[in-house]
Amino acid sequence: MKVRDRQSYEFALASAAVALDIRGGVVRGARVAVGGVGTVPWRLPKVEEALVGRRPGRRTWTAAAALAAEGAVPLSENAFKVKLVEQTVRRQLMTIGGQ
């Protein structure tokens, strides 16, 4: 999922790639990475850890996504991306894993 300020071929302001292994009503494995926040895509192990062993759903997605920008040190011109990354990860988790 890419989030842009308008429909074009420009670089995304933020993007999220999510892969979930859900079996038996529980997240067994997760891979989550974001783009648009560094020079290369950035994997989010804390988000992945927060997902594994949990039941899929809005509460799980929201709690895990809240960790997406943990430790970020934004500059004045890109501070808006902290919230944008969190929202993008949550939205993609909901898209892939269901609400």
N, C-alpha and C. Protein backbone atom coordinates (compact mmCIF):
# COMPACT_ATOMS: atom_id res chain seq x y z
N MET A 1 0.85 -1.16 0.00
CA MET A 1 0.00 0.00 0.00
C MET A 1 0.90 1.22 0.00
N LYS A 2 0.61 2.15 -0.90
CA LYS A 2 1.36 3.39 -0.97
C LYS A 2 0.43 4.56 -0.69
N VAL A 3 0.89 5.50 0.11
CA VAL A 3 0.12 6.69 0.43
C VAL A 3 0.83 7.88 -0.21
N ARG A 4 0.12 8.57 -1.10
CA ARG A 4 0.70 9.72 -1.80
C ARG A 4 -0.19 10.93 -1.60
N ASP A 5 0.38 12.10 -1.89
CA ASP A 5 -0.42 13.31 -1.72
C ASP A 5 -1.33 13.57 -2.90
N ARG A 6 -1.13 12.87 -4.01
CA ARG A 6 -2.03 12.97 -5.17
C ARG A 6 -1.79 11.76 -6.07
N GLN A 7 -2.71 11.50 -6.95
CA GLN A 7 -2.57 10.38 -7.88
C GLN A 7 -1.55 10.72 -8.94
N SER A 8 -0.41 10.07 -8.88
CA SER A 8 0.64 10.29 -9.86
C SER A 8 1.64 9.15 -9.73
N TYR A 9 2.72 9.29 -10.44
CA TYR A 9 3.78 8.29 -10.35
C TYR A 9 4.88 8.74 -9.40
N GLU A 10 4.61 9.74 -8.56
CA GLU A 10 5.59 10.22 -7.60
C GLU A 10 5.87 9.16 -6.55
N PHE A 11 6.96 9.37 -5.84
CA PHE A 11 7.29 8.48 -4.73
C PHE A 11 6.22 8.60 -3.65
N ALA A 12 5.99 7.52 -2.97
CA ALA A 12 5.00 7.52 -1.89
C ALA A 12 5.54 8.29 -0.69
N LEU A 13 4.65 8.97 0.01
CA LEU A 13 5.01 9.60 1.28
C LEU A 13 5.30 8.52 2.32
N ALA A 14 4.54 7.45 2.25
CA ALA A 14 4.74 6.29 3.12
C ALA A 14 4.15 5.08 2.42
N SER A 15 4.71 3.92 2.68
CA SER A 15 4.15 2.69 2.15
C SER A 15 4.34 1.60 3.18
N ALA A 16 3.51 0.56 3.08
CA ALA A 16 3.61 -0.57 4.00
C ALA A 16 3.42 -1.87 3.23
N ALA A 17 4.27 -2.83 3.52
CA ALA A 17 4.15 -4.17 2.98
C ALA A 17 3.92 -5.11 4.16
N VAL A 18 2.86 -5.91 4.07
CA VAL A 18 2.48 -6.79 5.17
C VAL A 18 2.22 -8.19 4.64
N ALA A 19 2.79 -9.18 5.31
CA ALA A 19 2.48 -10.59 5.05
C ALA A 19 2.14 -11.23 6.38
N LEU A 20 0.99 -11.90 6.43
CA LEU A 20 0.54 -12.54 7.67
C LEU A 20 0.26 -14.02 7.43
N ASP A 21 0.66 -14.84 8.38
CA ASP A 21 0.33 -16.25 8.40
C ASP A 21 -0.68 -16.41 9.53
N ILE A 22 -1.95 -16.57 9.15
CA ILE A 22 -3.02 -16.71 10.14
C ILE A 22 -3.59 -18.11 10.01
N ARG A 23 -3.47 -18.87 11.09
CA ARG A 23 -4.01 -20.23 11.11
C ARG A 23 -4.70 -20.46 12.43
N GLY A 24 -5.84 -21.11 12.39
CA GLY A 24 -6.56 -21.42 13.62
C GLY A 24 -7.00 -20.19 14.38
N GLY A 25 -7.23 -19.10 13.66
CA GLY A 25 -7.70 -17.88 14.30
C GLY A 25 -6.64 -17.12 15.07
N VAL A 26 -5.35 -17.43 14.79
CA VAL A 26 -4.24 -16.77 15.49
C VAL A 26 -3.16 -16.41 14.46
N VAL A 27 -2.52 -15.26 14.66
CA VAL A 27 -1.40 -14.87 13.81
C VAL A 27 -0.20 -15.72 14.19
N ARG A 28 0.26 -16.55 13.28
CA ARG A 28 1.40 -17.45 13.53
C ARG A 28 2.71 -16.83 13.08
N GLY A 29 2.65 -15.94 12.11
CA GLY A 29 3.86 -15.29 11.61
C GLY A 29 3.48 -13.97 10.96
N ALA A 30 4.41 -13.02 10.98
CA ALA A 30 4.15 -11.71 10.40
C ALA A 30 5.44 -11.11 9.86
N ARG A 31 5.32 -10.44 8.74
CA ARG A 31 6.42 -9.66 8.16
C ARG A 31 5.83 -8.30 7.83
N VAL A 32 6.43 -7.24 8.36
CA VAL A 32 5.93 -5.89 8.13
C VAL A 32 7.12 -4.99 7.83
N ALA A 33 7.01 -4.23 6.75
CA ALA A 33 8.05 -3.26 6.38
C ALA A 33 7.38 -1.99 5.88
N VAL A 34 8.08 -0.88 6.05
CA VAL A 34 7.57 0.40 5.56
C VAL A 34 8.59 1.03 4.63
N GLY A 35 8.08 1.86 3.76
CA GLY A 35 8.92 2.61 2.84
C GLY A 35 8.57 4.09 2.95
N GLY A 36 9.42 4.90 2.35
CA GLY A 36 9.18 6.34 2.37
C GLY A 36 9.68 7.01 3.63
N VAL A 37 10.32 6.25 4.52
CA VAL A 37 10.80 6.82 5.77
C VAL A 37 12.32 6.76 5.89
N GLY A 38 12.96 6.17 4.94
CA GLY A 38 14.41 6.05 4.93
C GLY A 38 14.89 5.81 3.51
N THR A 39 16.15 5.56 3.36
CA THR A 39 16.70 5.36 2.02
C THR A 39 16.38 3.98 1.46
N VAL A 40 16.02 3.06 2.33
CA VAL A 40 15.62 1.71 1.92
C VAL A 40 14.39 1.31 2.74
N PRO A 41 13.63 0.32 2.30
CA PRO A 41 12.51 -0.15 3.12
C PRO A 41 13.00 -0.57 4.49
N TRP A 42 12.16 -0.36 5.49
CA TRP A 42 12.54 -0.55 6.88
C TRP A 42 11.63 -1.59 7.51
N ARG A 43 12.20 -2.71 7.91
CA ARG A 43 11.42 -3.77 8.53
C ARG A 43 11.09 -3.40 9.97
N LEU A 44 9.93 -3.81 10.45
CA LEU A 44 9.44 -3.43 11.78
C LEU A 44 9.29 -4.66 12.69
N PRO A 45 10.39 -5.15 13.27
CA PRO A 45 10.32 -6.36 14.10
C PRO A 45 9.43 -6.21 15.34
N LYS A 46 9.36 -5.02 15.92
CA LYS A 46 8.50 -4.85 17.11
C LYS A 46 7.02 -4.98 16.74
N VAL A 47 6.66 -4.52 15.56
CA VAL A 47 5.28 -4.68 15.09
C VAL A 47 5.01 -6.16 14.85
N GLU A 48 5.95 -6.84 14.20
CA GLU A 48 5.80 -8.27 13.93
C GLU A 48 5.63 -9.06 15.23
N GLU A 49 6.46 -8.77 16.22
CA GLU A 49 6.38 -9.46 17.52
C GLU A 49 5.04 -9.21 18.21
N ALA A 50 4.52 -8.00 18.06
CA ALA A 50 3.24 -7.66 18.70
C ALA A 50 2.06 -8.39 18.04
N LEU A 51 2.25 -8.87 16.83
CA LEU A 51 1.18 -9.57 16.12
C LEU A 51 1.15 -11.07 16.40
N VAL A 52 2.32 -11.67 16.50
CA VAL A 52 2.42 -13.13 16.64
C VAL A 52 1.77 -13.60 17.95
N GLY A 53 0.90 -14.60 17.80
CA GLY A 53 0.21 -15.17 18.94
C GLY A 53 -1.11 -14.48 19.27
N ARG A 54 -1.43 -13.43 18.54
CA ARG A 54 -2.67 -12.68 18.79
C ARG A 54 -3.77 -13.07 17.81
N ARG A 55 -4.98 -12.79 18.22
CA ARG A 55 -6.13 -13.02 17.34
C ARG A 55 -6.26 -11.84 16.40
N PRO A 56 -6.53 -12.10 15.12
CA PRO A 56 -6.70 -11.01 14.16
C PRO A 56 -7.88 -10.12 14.55
N GLY A 57 -7.76 -8.84 14.32
CA GLY A 57 -8.85 -7.92 14.57
C GLY A 57 -8.38 -6.49 14.77
N ARG A 58 -9.32 -5.59 14.77
CA ARG A 58 -9.02 -4.16 14.86
C ARG A 58 -8.14 -3.82 16.06
N ARG A 59 -8.43 -4.39 17.22
CA ARG A 59 -7.65 -4.09 18.43
C ARG A 59 -6.19 -4.53 18.26
N THR A 60 -5.98 -5.72 17.72
CA THR A 60 -4.62 -6.23 17.49
C THR A 60 -3.89 -5.37 16.48
N TRP A 61 -4.56 -5.02 15.38
CA TRP A 61 -3.92 -4.22 14.33
C TRP A 61 -3.54 -2.84 14.87
N THR A 62 -4.42 -2.23 15.64
CA THR A 62 -4.17 -0.89 16.17
C THR A 62 -3.01 -0.90 17.17
N ALA A 63 -2.99 -1.88 18.06
CA ALA A 63 -1.92 -1.97 19.06
C ALA A 63 -0.56 -2.20 18.38
N ALA A 64 -0.52 -3.08 17.40
CA ALA A 64 0.74 -3.36 16.71
C ALA A 64 1.20 -2.16 15.90
N ALA A 65 0.28 -1.52 15.20
CA ALA A 65 0.64 -0.36 14.36
C ALA A 65 1.15 0.80 15.21
N ALA A 66 0.71 0.90 16.44
CA ALA A 66 1.18 1.97 17.32
C ALA A 66 2.68 1.89 17.55
N LEU A 67 3.27 0.72 17.30
CA LEU A 67 4.71 0.53 17.48
C LEU A 67 5.50 0.84 16.21
N ALA A 68 4.82 1.14 15.12
CA ALA A 68 5.48 1.31 13.82
C ALA A 68 6.54 2.40 13.80
N ALA A 69 6.32 3.47 14.49
CA ALA A 69 7.28 4.58 14.48
C ALA A 69 8.02 4.72 15.81
N GLU A 70 7.93 3.70 16.65
CA GLU A 70 8.60 3.77 17.95
C GLU A 70 10.09 4.01 17.76
N GLY A 71 10.61 4.98 18.47
CA GLY A 71 12.02 5.30 18.39
C GLY A 71 12.38 6.26 17.27
N ALA A 72 11.41 6.65 16.46
CA ALA A 72 11.68 7.56 15.35
C ALA A 72 12.11 8.93 15.89
N VAL A 73 13.03 9.54 15.19
CA VAL A 73 13.49 10.88 15.54
C VAL A 73 13.31 11.75 14.30
N PRO A 74 12.09 12.24 14.12
CA PRO A 74 11.81 13.02 12.90
C PRO A 74 12.43 14.41 12.95
N LEU A 75 12.63 14.95 11.78
CA LEU A 75 13.08 16.33 11.64
C LEU A 75 11.84 17.21 11.48
N SER A 76 12.01 18.50 11.53
CA SER A 76 10.86 19.41 11.47
C SER A 76 10.06 19.26 10.18
N GLU A 77 10.72 18.93 9.09
CA GLU A 77 10.04 18.83 7.79
C GLU A 77 9.37 17.49 7.55
N ASN A 78 9.65 16.48 8.37
CA ASN A 78 9.04 15.17 8.12
C ASN A 78 8.36 14.58 9.35
N ALA A 79 8.13 15.39 10.36
CA ALA A 79 7.50 14.90 11.59
C ALA A 79 6.11 14.32 11.34
N PHE A 80 5.42 14.81 10.33
CA PHE A 80 4.09 14.30 10.00
C PHE A 80 4.11 12.83 9.64
N LYS A 81 5.26 12.32 9.22
CA LYS A 81 5.34 10.91 8.80
C LYS A 81 5.20 9.94 9.96
N VAL A 82 5.46 10.37 11.17
CA VAL A 82 5.32 9.48 12.32
C VAL A 82 3.90 8.94 12.38
N LYS A 83 2.93 9.82 12.37
CA LYS A 83 1.52 9.41 12.42
C LYS A 83 1.11 8.73 11.11
N LEU A 84 1.62 9.22 9.98
CA LEU A 84 1.28 8.65 8.69
C LEU A 84 1.73 7.20 8.58
N VAL A 85 2.92 6.89 9.08
CA VAL A 85 3.42 5.51 9.04
C VAL A 85 2.54 4.61 9.90
N GLU A 86 2.20 5.08 11.09
CA GLU A 86 1.33 4.29 11.97
C GLU A 86 -0.01 4.01 11.30
N GLN A 87 -0.61 5.02 10.71
CA GLN A 87 -1.91 4.85 10.06
C GLN A 87 -1.81 3.95 8.83
N THR A 88 -0.72 4.06 8.08
CA THR A 88 -0.53 3.24 6.88
C THR A 88 -0.37 1.77 7.25
N VAL A 89 0.41 1.49 8.29
CA VAL A 89 0.60 0.11 8.75
C VAL A 89 -0.73 -0.46 9.23
N ARG A 90 -1.47 0.30 10.04
CA ARG A 90 -2.76 -0.18 10.55
C ARG A 90 -3.73 -0.46 9.39
N ARG A 91 -3.78 0.44 8.45
CA ARG A 91 -4.68 0.26 7.30
C ARG A 91 -4.31 -0.99 6.49
N GLN A 92 -3.03 -1.21 6.30
CA GLN A 92 -2.62 -2.39 5.54
C GLN A 92 -2.87 -3.67 6.33
N LEU A 93 -2.64 -3.65 7.63
CA LEU A 93 -2.98 -4.82 8.45
C LEU A 93 -4.46 -5.15 8.35
N MET A 94 -5.30 -4.13 8.38
CA MET A 94 -6.74 -4.34 8.27
C MET A 94 -7.12 -4.87 6.89
N THR A 95 -6.42 -4.40 5.86
CA THR A 95 -6.69 -4.86 4.50
C THR A 95 -6.30 -6.33 4.34
N ILE A 96 -5.13 -6.68 4.82
CA ILE A 96 -4.61 -8.04 4.66
C ILE A 96 -5.27 -9.01 5.64
N GLY A 97 -5.38 -8.61 6.91
CA GLY A 97 -5.85 -9.51 7.95
C GLY A 97 -7.33 -9.45 8.25
N GLY A 98 -8.01 -8.46 7.69
CA GLY A 98 -9.43 -8.30 7.96
C GLY A 98 -9.66 -7.51 9.24
N GLN A 99 -10.86 -7.00 9.38
CA GLN A 99 -11.19 -6.18 10.53
C GLN A 99 -11.78 -7.05 11.59
